[in-house]
Amino acid sequence: MQLDAYTVNVLVSVAALSAAVMYLLETLLRQESRAGQLWAVAYLFGILTVIAYLVWMKVDEHLVPLAIGNGALVGTVGCLWLGCLRHNAHRLLRPSMIVAAAVLISVAAVFVEGTEAGEWAGAAATFAGVAVFALLGAAESRRGRNGDTPETIGLTVVLIVGGIYYGARSAVFMILGPASDVFRAWFDASNTGILTIVLLIVALVTTTTLRNNAVVFGEGSSELSLTGDGLLTARSFFVMVQRIIEVDREEERTLGVIAFRADDLPQIGIAFGASEQEAVMALCRESLRRYAPAMAPVGELGPNGLGLAVEAESPSAVRRLASRIQRRMLDDLADRGTAVIPVIGVGVAVADTYGKDARALIRAAFDAAGRATTSLDASVVIAE
């Protein structure tokens, strides 16, 4: 039994609005990376899409809401692609202009085709735009930093499936028409709605994970800058580690980067309030400064991460230091009497393994800390 078009749109709307609200709620509770901001814009476009289509199905003069819905749908997938580009540290001026042009074309196509085309006005341009941006996003999700992050596989699958589906939908629409048996059997509103719900769930999980893992190092000047409580910013921490590797490193000593992650801080903020979340993170930062070796660079690694660069006699010495700081940090949290103690994942990466690439060294330590937060075997994970 097939559901009617309006019921399918309502179900898709509930799924899209739930996904968008969850994503945007966490966005408000954290200092977002640029990629995360663009994915948040994609979910805002998704909200606009479903609202416009629901309005379109209930009004007689339907060209305006239909045009808005089509443009927002293209913008949703276009912003997913832009987020992937930003996650790989690409410039966005030209791609943003391409997305904006595609949105305007899909909107204009509705008015050009007019009421004679009925509910399918502008459909060809919209289907083609969604397919192109989905496939571009899928390709970008396998390159650079995205390709090195296992969590992007879910986003790749979503974008490939969406790109192939809308590419086929566009081809069948233009060749056989929307009244054909093939289009009705495979590409009608009911099938599209069910697919959209499934892809939305996967995309929400994936983009949330990628956002939580986002560490922006920054580019440009080698000048150092500090946060209000005396930690190096993420970019300055990267600059310091790179300098130690290239210039200041002592012979026959190991340079290690220790990353600390508290990925469940946003959930603490939701459950106990933003002030509790900020207090827990502030105590973690204070503990790391207190227990880190003198003169060792200490910096931010994203909104829920901290980093420490140390020189030691061996990788095992770096690991022992990481474990000791973690225990003392947890003791400080327990002594504070906080409502809940976050899971502090600790990862270690050494320059003997990653050479003179500070970016790869920090990234490896940060990813290892992420694995430590879910590991049952070790509280400190060594990046291999």
Protein backbone atom coordinates (compact mmCIF):
# COMPACT_ATOMS: atom_id res chain seq x y z
CA MET A 1 0.00 0.00 0.00
CA GLN A 2 1.38 3.40 -1.02
CA LEU A 3 0.96 6.50 1.11
CA ASP A 4 -0.55 9.60 -0.46
CA ALA A 5 1.77 12.46 -1.34
CA TYR A 6 0.69 14.72 1.51
CA THR A 7 1.22 12.03 4.17
CA VAL A 8 4.69 11.29 2.78
CA ASN A 9 5.57 14.98 2.87
CA VAL A 10 4.40 15.21 6.48
CA LEU A 11 6.60 12.24 7.45
CA VAL A 12 9.58 13.73 5.62
CA SER A 13 8.89 17.06 7.32
CA VAL A 14 8.89 15.49 10.78
CA ALA A 15 12.17 13.69 10.05
CA ALA A 16 13.81 16.77 8.54
CA LEU A 17 12.66 19.12 11.30
CA SER A 18 13.75 16.70 14.03
CA ALA A 19 17.19 16.31 12.45
CA ALA A 20 17.57 20.05 11.95
CA VAL A 21 16.47 20.95 15.48
CA MET A 22 18.86 18.40 17.03
CA TYR A 23 21.77 19.65 14.93
CA LEU A 24 21.02 23.34 15.47
CA LEU A 25 20.50 22.86 19.22
CA GLU A 26 24.01 21.48 19.60
CA THR A 27 25.30 24.27 17.32
CA LEU A 28 24.00 26.83 19.82
CA LEU A 29 25.82 25.05 22.66
CA ARG A 30 29.28 25.05 21.14
CA GLN A 31 31.80 27.25 19.33
CA GLU A 32 31.31 25.84 15.87
CA SER A 33 33.85 25.04 13.16
CA ARG A 34 33.26 26.55 9.71
CA ALA A 35 32.33 23.16 8.26
CA GLY A 36 29.81 22.67 11.06
CA GLN A 37 28.33 26.10 10.36
CA LEU A 38 27.81 25.25 6.71
CA TRP A 39 26.17 21.93 7.60
CA ALA A 40 23.92 23.86 9.98
CA VAL A 41 22.95 26.13 7.06
CA ALA A 42 22.16 22.98 5.06
CA TYR A 43 19.72 21.88 7.77
CA LEU A 44 18.16 25.37 7.80
CA PHE A 45 17.64 25.04 4.05
CA GLY A 46 16.09 21.64 4.75
CA ILE A 47 13.60 23.23 7.17
CA LEU A 48 12.71 25.85 4.55
CA THR A 49 12.27 23.11 1.93
CA VAL A 50 9.73 21.06 3.86
CA ILE A 51 7.77 24.12 5.03
CA ALA A 52 7.58 25.50 1.49
CA TYR A 53 6.41 22.18 0.06
CA LEU A 54 3.74 21.77 2.74
CA VAL A 55 2.45 25.28 2.01
CA TRP A 56 2.54 24.57 -1.73
CA MET A 57 0.32 21.51 -1.29
CA LYS A 58 -2.34 23.57 0.52
CA VAL A 59 -2.61 26.72 -1.62
CA ASP A 60 -3.96 27.34 -5.09
CA GLU A 61 -1.37 29.85 -6.29
CA HIS A 62 1.50 27.45 -5.84
CA LEU A 63 4.35 28.84 -7.94
CA VAL A 64 5.97 30.91 -5.16
CA PRO A 65 6.16 28.20 -2.44
CA LEU A 66 7.12 25.62 -5.07
CA ALA A 67 9.94 27.86 -6.30
CA ILE A 68 11.15 28.44 -2.74
CA GLY A 69 11.03 24.71 -1.98
CA ASN A 70 12.97 23.79 -5.12
CA GLY A 71 15.63 26.43 -4.48
CA ALA A 72 15.99 25.42 -0.83
CA LEU A 73 16.34 21.75 -1.80
CA VAL A 74 19.24 22.58 -4.12
CA GLY A 75 20.72 24.81 -1.41
CA THR A 76 20.53 21.97 1.14
CA VAL A 77 22.69 19.62 -0.90
CA GLY A 78 24.90 22.48 -2.11
CA CYS A 79 25.73 23.44 1.48
CA LEU A 80 26.57 19.81 2.31
CA TRP A 81 29.13 20.01 -0.52
CA LEU A 82 30.45 23.36 0.75
CA GLY A 83 30.82 21.88 4.24
CA CYS A 84 32.93 19.05 2.82
CA LEU A 85 35.09 21.59 0.98
CA ARG A 86 35.57 23.63 4.14
CA HIS A 87 36.38 20.53 6.19
CA ASN A 88 39.23 20.03 3.70
CA ALA A 89 40.31 23.69 4.21
CA HIS A 90 39.42 24.80 0.64
CA ARG A 91 38.44 28.35 -0.23
CA LEU A 92 34.72 28.76 -0.75
CA LEU A 93 34.21 31.95 -2.77
CA ARG A 94 33.83 30.32 -6.19
CA PRO A 95 31.96 27.19 -4.99
CA SER A 96 29.57 29.43 -3.02
CA MET A 97 28.84 31.43 -6.16
CA ILE A 98 28.15 28.18 -8.03
CA VAL A 99 25.68 27.04 -5.37
CA ALA A 100 23.96 30.44 -5.33
CA ALA A 101 23.65 30.39 -9.12
CA ALA A 102 22.16 26.89 -9.07
CA VAL A 103 19.61 27.93 -6.45
CA LEU A 104 18.57 30.95 -8.52
CA ILE A 105 18.29 28.81 -11.67
CA SER A 106 16.04 26.28 -9.94
CA VAL A 107 13.83 29.11 -8.63
CA ALA A 108 13.66 30.86 -12.00
CA ALA A 109 12.85 27.61 -13.81
CA VAL A 110 9.57 27.34 -11.88
CA PHE A 111 8.36 30.73 -13.12
CA VAL A 112 9.65 30.15 -16.65
CA GLU A 113 7.72 26.88 -17.00
CA GLY A 114 4.73 28.37 -15.18
CA THR A 115 1.43 26.87 -14.15
CA GLU A 116 1.20 24.83 -17.35
CA ALA A 117 3.84 22.46 -15.97
CA GLY A 118 1.80 21.99 -12.80
CA GLU A 119 3.51 20.36 -9.84
CA TRP A 120 6.58 19.53 -11.95
CA ALA A 121 7.48 23.14 -12.79
CA GLY A 122 11.24 23.53 -12.50
CA ALA A 123 11.67 19.87 -11.61
CA ALA A 124 14.34 19.13 -14.22
CA ALA A 125 16.64 21.93 -13.02
CA THR A 126 16.06 21.00 -9.37
CA PHE A 127 16.71 17.27 -9.87
CA ALA A 128 19.86 17.99 -11.89
CA GLY A 129 21.18 20.48 -9.31
CA VAL A 130 20.66 18.06 -6.43
CA ALA A 131 22.35 15.24 -8.36
CA VAL A 132 25.40 17.33 -9.32
CA PHE A 133 26.02 18.74 -5.83
CA ALA A 134 25.46 15.36 -4.19
CA LEU A 135 28.06 13.70 -6.42
CA LEU A 136 30.49 16.60 -5.96
CA GLY A 137 30.04 16.29 -2.20
CA ALA A 138 30.58 12.53 -2.35
CA ALA A 139 33.85 13.02 -4.25
CA GLU A 140 35.03 15.73 -1.84
CA SER A 141 34.19 13.55 1.16
CA ARG A 142 36.84 11.04 0.05
CA ARG A 143 39.66 13.58 -0.38
CA GLY A 144 42.09 15.27 1.99
CA ARG A 145 41.17 15.41 5.67
CA ASN A 146 37.73 13.98 4.86
CA GLY A 147 39.28 10.89 3.29
CA ASP A 148 41.47 10.38 6.34
CA THR A 149 38.47 10.46 8.67
CA PRO A 150 36.54 7.15 8.84
CA GLU A 151 33.34 8.91 9.95
CA THR A 152 32.96 10.52 6.50
CA ILE A 153 32.07 7.15 4.95
CA GLY A 154 28.46 7.57 6.09
CA LEU A 155 28.24 10.99 4.42
CA THR A 156 29.83 9.57 1.28
CA VAL A 157 27.18 6.83 1.10
CA VAL A 158 24.36 9.36 1.63
CA LEU A 159 25.63 11.66 -1.10
CA ILE A 160 26.36 8.88 -3.59
CA VAL A 161 22.94 7.32 -3.13
CA GLY A 162 21.26 10.72 -3.33
CA GLY A 163 23.29 11.73 -6.38
CA ILE A 164 22.57 8.52 -8.29
CA TYR A 165 18.88 8.57 -7.36
CA TYR A 166 18.33 12.17 -8.39
CA GLY A 167 20.47 11.74 -11.50
CA ALA A 168 18.29 8.79 -12.56
CA ARG A 169 15.15 10.68 -11.56
CA SER A 170 16.21 13.63 -13.69
CA ALA A 171 16.99 11.43 -16.70
CA VAL A 172 13.72 9.50 -16.52
CA PHE A 173 11.78 12.73 -15.98
CA MET A 174 13.25 14.38 -19.07
CA ILE A 175 13.16 11.31 -21.34
CA LEU A 176 9.95 9.51 -20.35
CA GLY A 177 8.08 12.17 -18.41
CA PRO A 178 6.48 12.12 -14.94
CA ALA A 179 3.41 10.23 -16.20
CA SER A 180 5.43 7.22 -17.35
CA ASP A 181 5.17 3.87 -15.59
CA VAL A 182 8.89 3.86 -14.79
CA PHE A 183 8.74 7.25 -13.11
CA ARG A 184 5.63 6.37 -11.12
CA ALA A 185 7.08 3.03 -10.02
CA TRP A 186 10.52 4.25 -8.91
CA PHE A 187 10.66 8.03 -8.61
CA ASP A 188 7.30 9.24 -7.32
CA ALA A 189 6.84 11.27 -4.13
CA SER A 190 6.30 8.18 -1.95
CA ASN A 191 9.58 6.45 -2.86
CA THR A 192 11.50 9.73 -2.74
CA GLY A 193 10.10 10.54 0.71
CA ILE A 194 11.08 7.17 2.20
CA LEU A 195 14.59 7.47 0.77
CA THR A 196 14.87 11.01 2.10
CA ILE A 197 14.00 9.93 5.65
CA VAL A 198 16.67 7.21 5.63
CA LEU A 199 19.33 9.50 4.18
CA LEU A 200 18.47 12.27 6.65
CA ILE A 201 19.09 10.00 9.62
CA VAL A 202 22.47 8.85 8.29
CA ALA A 203 23.48 12.39 7.32
CA LEU A 204 22.57 13.72 10.78
CA VAL A 205 24.68 11.12 12.57
CA THR A 206 27.62 11.60 10.20
CA THR A 207 27.73 15.41 10.15
CA THR A 208 27.32 15.55 13.93
CA THR A 209 30.28 13.20 14.37
CA LEU A 210 32.39 15.14 11.87
CA ARG A 211 31.52 18.41 13.56
CA ASN A 212 32.47 17.02 16.97
CA ASN A 213 35.79 15.87 15.52
CA ALA A 214 36.53 19.09 13.69
CA VAL A 215 39.84 20.68 14.61
CA VAL A 216 40.64 23.84 12.68
CA PHE A 217 44.36 24.65 12.65
CA GLY A 218 44.18 27.78 10.52
CA GLU A 219 46.53 29.16 7.96
CA GLY A 220 48.68 32.22 7.45
CA SER A 221 50.67 34.19 9.99
CA SER A 222 53.15 32.51 12.33
CA GLU A 223 52.34 34.96 15.14
CA LEU A 224 51.15 33.29 18.32
CA SER A 225 47.91 34.15 20.09
CA LEU A 226 46.47 33.08 23.44
CA THR A 227 43.00 32.48 24.76
CA GLY A 228 41.66 34.43 27.74
CA ASP A 229 42.87 31.76 30.18
CA GLY A 230 46.36 31.51 28.74
CA LEU A 231 46.16 28.56 26.34
CA LEU A 232 47.45 28.72 22.79
CA THR A 233 44.77 28.92 20.13
CA ALA A 234 44.50 25.91 17.82
CA ARG A 235 46.43 27.68 15.05
CA SER A 236 49.16 28.86 17.45
CA PHE A 237 49.48 25.38 18.95
CA PHE A 238 50.03 24.01 15.44
CA VAL A 239 52.68 26.69 14.78
CA MET A 240 54.50 25.81 18.01
CA VAL A 241 54.50 22.08 17.29
CA GLN A 242 55.77 22.69 13.76
CA ARG A 243 58.57 24.90 15.09
CA ILE A 244 59.62 22.31 17.66
CA ILE A 245 59.73 19.62 14.98
CA GLU A 246 61.75 21.70 12.52
CA VAL A 247 63.97 23.86 14.74
CA ASP A 248 63.92 23.31 18.49
CA ARG A 249 63.77 19.55 18.81
CA GLU A 250 66.57 17.99 20.83
CA GLU A 251 68.46 15.07 19.34
CA GLU A 252 67.69 11.56 20.62
CA ARG A 253 64.49 12.70 22.31
CA THR A 254 60.93 11.91 21.29
CA LEU A 255 58.43 14.66 20.55
CA GLY A 256 54.93 13.62 21.46
CA VAL A 257 51.56 15.33 21.14
CA ILE A 258 48.97 14.41 23.77
CA ALA A 259 45.34 15.18 22.94
CA PHE A 260 42.52 15.29 25.50
CA ARG A 261 38.89 15.06 24.33
CA ALA A 262 35.57 15.39 26.14
CA ASP A 263 33.09 14.63 23.36
CA ASP A 264 30.10 14.35 25.70
CA LEU A 265 30.32 17.97 26.87
CA PRO A 266 27.44 19.07 24.56
CA GLN A 267 25.24 16.41 26.14
CA ILE A 268 26.21 17.72 29.60
CA GLY A 269 25.17 21.18 28.42
CA ILE A 270 21.79 19.89 27.27
CA ALA A 271 21.17 17.98 30.50
CA PHE A 272 22.58 20.39 33.11
CA GLY A 273 22.84 23.72 31.33
CA ALA A 274 25.49 25.67 29.44
CA SER A 275 27.04 27.03 32.66
CA GLU A 276 27.82 23.50 33.89
CA GLN A 277 29.32 22.60 30.52
CA GLU A 278 31.55 25.69 30.57
CA ALA A 279 32.61 25.07 34.18
CA VAL A 280 33.64 21.47 33.44
CA MET A 281 35.68 22.51 30.40
CA ALA A 282 37.29 25.38 32.31
CA LEU A 283 38.39 22.98 35.04
CA CYS A 284 39.88 20.60 32.45
CA ARG A 285 41.85 23.48 30.93
CA GLU A 286 43.06 24.61 34.36
CA SER A 287 44.11 21.07 35.28
CA LEU A 288 46.10 20.61 32.07
CA ARG A 289 47.96 23.89 32.61
CA ARG A 290 48.71 22.90 36.21
CA TYR A 291 50.03 19.40 35.50
CA ALA A 292 51.75 19.94 32.15
CA PRO A 293 55.57 20.14 32.23
CA ALA A 294 56.99 23.65 32.53
CA MET A 295 57.43 25.43 29.17
CA ALA A 296 55.48 22.71 27.29
CA PRO A 297 53.03 24.23 24.76
CA VAL A 298 49.39 23.77 25.80
CA GLY A 299 46.62 24.69 23.39
CA GLU A 300 43.06 24.24 22.22
CA LEU A 301 42.02 21.50 19.83
CA GLY A 302 38.51 22.43 18.89
CA PRO A 303 35.73 23.36 21.32
CA ASN A 304 36.00 20.13 23.36
CA GLY A 305 39.68 19.28 22.94
CA LEU A 306 43.05 20.24 24.42
CA GLY A 307 46.58 19.51 23.29
CA LEU A 308 49.99 19.24 24.91
CA ALA A 309 53.38 18.91 23.16
CA VAL A 310 56.19 17.32 25.17
CA GLU A 311 59.69 15.98 24.65
CA ALA A 312 60.60 12.77 26.45
CA GLU A 313 63.09 9.91 26.42
CA SER A 314 60.68 7.50 24.69
CA PRO A 315 57.09 7.05 23.47
CA SER A 316 56.33 5.08 26.63
CA ALA A 317 57.40 8.07 28.73
CA VAL A 318 54.96 10.28 26.79
CA ARG A 319 52.21 7.75 27.43
CA ARG A 320 52.94 7.62 31.17
CA LEU A 321 52.77 11.40 31.35
CA ALA A 322 49.44 11.39 29.47
CA SER A 323 47.98 8.81 31.84
CA ARG A 324 49.18 10.72 34.92
CA ILE A 325 47.66 14.02 33.73
CA GLN A 326 44.39 12.27 32.87
CA ARG A 327 44.11 10.76 36.38
CA ARG A 328 44.80 14.12 38.03
CA MET A 329 42.31 15.88 35.75
CA LEU A 330 39.61 13.38 36.71
CA ASP A 331 40.52 13.76 40.40
CA ASP A 332 40.06 17.52 40.09
CA LEU A 333 36.65 17.03 38.50
CA ALA A 334 35.64 14.63 41.28
CA ASP A 335 36.87 17.01 44.00
CA ARG A 336 34.82 19.82 42.49
CA GLY A 337 31.66 17.79 43.11
CA THR A 338 30.39 18.31 39.58
CA ALA A 339 26.97 16.90 38.67
CA VAL A 340 28.57 14.60 36.11
CA ILE A 341 32.15 13.80 35.12
CA PRO A 342 32.77 13.63 31.36
CA VAL A 343 34.63 10.83 29.66
CA ILE A 344 38.14 12.18 28.99
CA GLY A 345 39.69 10.39 26.03
CA VAL A 346 43.48 10.72 25.68
CA GLY A 347 45.45 10.08 22.51
CA VAL A 348 49.21 10.14 21.94
CA ALA A 349 51.11 10.54 18.66
CA VAL A 350 54.89 10.78 18.34
CA ALA A 351 56.99 12.49 15.69
CA ASP A 352 59.05 9.31 15.21
CA THR A 353 55.98 7.89 13.46
CA TYR A 354 54.67 10.98 11.62
CA GLY A 355 57.88 12.76 10.70
CA LYS A 356 57.94 16.55 10.36
CA ASP A 357 54.26 17.03 9.59
CA ALA A 358 52.80 18.80 12.63
CA ARG A 359 49.30 18.77 11.16
CA ALA A 360 49.35 14.99 10.74
CA LEU A 361 50.84 14.58 14.23
CA ILE A 362 48.13 16.65 15.93
CA ARG A 363 45.38 15.06 13.87
CA ALA A 364 46.59 11.56 14.74
CA ALA A 365 46.66 12.35 18.46
CA PHE A 366 43.19 13.92 18.30
CA ASP A 367 41.71 10.94 16.42
CA ALA A 368 43.35 8.54 18.88
CA ALA A 369 41.75 10.46 21.76
CA GLY A 370 38.41 10.02 20.03
CA ARG A 371 38.95 6.26 19.92
CA ALA A 372 39.92 6.33 23.60
CA THR A 373 36.55 7.81 24.58
CA THR A 374 34.81 4.66 23.32
CA SER A 375 37.48 2.11 24.20
CA LEU A 376 36.86 -0.44 26.93
CA ASP A 377 40.47 -1.59 26.97
CA ALA A 378 42.56 1.58 27.31
CA SER A 379 42.04 5.11 28.58
CA VAL A 380 45.10 6.27 26.60
CA VAL A 381 45.40 5.25 22.96
CA ILE A 382 48.66 5.44 20.99
CA ALA A 383 48.28 6.49 17.34
CA GLU A 384 49.87 3.96 15.04
